[in-house]
C-alpha atoms as a PDB file:
ATOM      1  CA  MET A   1       0.000   0.000   0.000  1.00  0.00           C
ATOM      2  CA  THR A   2       1.341   3.411  -0.992  1.00  0.00           C
ATOM      3  CA  ASP A   3       0.262   6.804   0.365  1.00  0.00           C
ATOM      4  CA  GLY A   4       0.238  10.133  -1.421  1.00  0.00           C
ATOM      5  CA  THR A   5      -1.655  13.294  -2.311  1.00  0.00           C
ATOM      6  CA  VAL A   6      -3.981  13.833  -5.285  1.00  0.00           C
ATOM      7  CA  LYS A   7      -2.405  16.388  -7.676  1.00  0.00           C
ATOM      8  CA  VAL A   8      -4.699  16.157 -10.720  1.00  0.00           C
ATOM      9  CA  ARG A   9      -8.208  14.808 -11.204  1.00  0.00           C
ATOM     10  CA  ASN A  10      -9.335  14.577 -14.846  1.00  0.00           C
ATOM     11  CA  LEU A  11     -12.877  13.238 -15.015  1.00  0.00           C
ATOM     12  CA  SER A  12     -13.217  13.521 -18.797  1.00  0.00           C
ATOM     13  CA  LYS A  13     -10.276  11.138 -19.266  1.00  0.00           C
ATOM     14  CA  ARG A  14     -11.080   9.179 -16.081  1.00  0.00           C
ATOM     15  CA  PHE A  15      -7.747   9.337 -14.300  1.00  0.00           C
ATOM     16  CA  ILE A  16      -6.182  10.749 -11.155  1.00  0.00           C
ATOM     17  CA  VAL A  17      -2.508  11.668 -10.730  1.00  0.00           C
ATOM     18  CA  VAL A  18      -1.174  11.049  -7.237  1.00  0.00           C
ATOM     19  CA  GLU A  19       2.180  12.256  -5.937  1.00  0.00           C
ATOM     20  CA  GLY A  20       3.384   9.387  -3.780  1.00  0.00           C
ATOM     21  CA  ASP A  21       5.225   9.940  -0.529  1.00  0.00           C
ATOM     22  CA  ASP A  22       8.223   8.449  -2.356  1.00  0.00           C
ATOM     23  CA  GLY A  23       8.206  11.462  -4.732  1.00  0.00           C
ATOM     24  CA  ALA A  24       6.991   9.513  -7.777  1.00  0.00           C
ATOM     25  CA  ASN A  25       3.807  10.344  -9.702  1.00  0.00           C
ATOM     26  CA  TYR A  26       1.258   7.547 -10.118  1.00  0.00           C
ATOM     27  CA  THR A  27      -1.655   7.429 -12.550  1.00  0.00           C
ATOM     28  CA  VAL A  28      -4.806   5.812 -11.178  1.00  0.00           C
ATOM     29  CA  SER A  29      -8.046   5.130 -13.058  1.00  0.00           C
ATOM     30  CA  THR A  30     -11.133   6.726 -11.494  1.00  0.00           C
ATOM     31  CA  ARG A  31     -12.844   3.363 -12.065  1.00  0.00           C
ATOM     32  CA  SER A  32     -10.681   1.790  -9.362  1.00  0.00           C
ATOM     33  CA  THR A  33     -11.865   4.151  -6.600  1.00  0.00           C
ATOM     34  CA  VAL A  34     -12.959   2.516  -3.328  1.00  0.00           C
ATOM     35  CA  GLY A  35     -15.393   4.575  -1.246  1.00  0.00           C
ATOM     36  CA  PRO A  36     -15.835   8.344  -1.686  1.00  0.00           C
ATOM     37  CA  LYS A  37     -14.251  10.008  -4.713  1.00  0.00           C
ATOM     38  CA  ALA A  38     -10.863  11.601  -4.039  1.00  0.00           C
ATOM     39  CA  GLN A  39     -10.496  15.328  -4.737  1.00  0.00           C
ATOM     40  CA  VAL A  40      -7.360  17.368  -5.480  1.00  0.00           C
ATOM     41  CA  GLY A  41      -5.395  17.798  -2.250  1.00  0.00           C
ATOM     42  CA  ASP A  42      -6.840  14.691  -0.532  1.00  0.00           C
ATOM     43  CA  ARG A  43      -4.472  12.259   1.174  1.00  0.00           C
ATOM     44  CA  VAL A  44      -5.011   8.834  -0.369  1.00  0.00           C
ATOM     45  CA  SER A  45      -3.791   5.244  -0.151  1.00  0.00           C
ATOM     46  CA  PHE A  46      -3.539   2.921  -3.136  1.00  0.00           C
ATOM     47  CA  ASP A  47      -2.035  -0.343  -4.295  1.00  0.00           C
ATOM     48  CA  ASN A  48       0.895  -0.313  -6.719  1.00  0.00           C
ATOM     49  CA  ASP A  49       0.126  -1.843 -10.100  1.00  0.00           C
ATOM     50  CA  PRO A  50       3.082  -4.061 -11.075  1.00  0.00           C
ATOM     51  CA  ASP A  51       2.517  -3.358 -14.819  1.00  0.00           C
ATOM     52  CA  GLU A  52       4.666  -0.265 -15.405  1.00  0.00           C
ATOM     53  CA  THR A  53       4.685  -0.424 -19.213  1.00  0.00           C
ATOM     54  CA  LYS A  54       2.968   3.009 -19.287  1.00  0.00           C
ATOM     55  CA  GLY A  55       4.707   4.479 -16.251  1.00  0.00           C
ATOM     56  CA  LYS A  56       3.954   4.078 -12.568  1.00  0.00           C
ATOM     57  CA  ARG A  57       0.342   3.112 -11.953  1.00  0.00           C
ATOM     58  CA  GLY A  58      -1.864   2.506  -8.974  1.00  0.00           C
ATOM     59  CA  LYS A  59      -5.199   0.840  -8.334  1.00  0.00           C
ATOM     60  CA  ASN A  60      -7.779   0.553  -5.563  1.00  0.00           C
ATOM     61  CA  ILE A  61      -7.392   4.202  -4.550  1.00  0.00           C
ATOM     62  CA  ARG A  62      -9.138   5.314  -1.353  1.00  0.00           C
ATOM     63  CA  ILE A  63      -9.101   8.382   0.855  1.00  0.00           C
ATOM     64  CA  ALA A  64      -6.494   7.681   3.540  1.00  0.00           C
ATOM     65  CA  ASP A  65      -8.880   7.886   6.523  1.00  0.00           C
ATOM     66  CA  TYR A  66     -11.664   5.891   4.825  1.00  0.00           C
ATOM     67  CA  ALA A  67     -12.051   2.399   6.303  1.00  0.00           C
END
């Protein structure tokens, strides 16, 4: 599980860009959101997607305090 902050939320293209605490940027599909939708500036947690053919990706994004 990786933590970070939402930097960009593009609903028309259905993706979120998260700046991870490790300094890397991760692209996460809005379709893989668990619980309430994350907004720009929200602290989030997500799983790393091992397929990095298109850059660093995440999945199962959730607001950090959401159970």
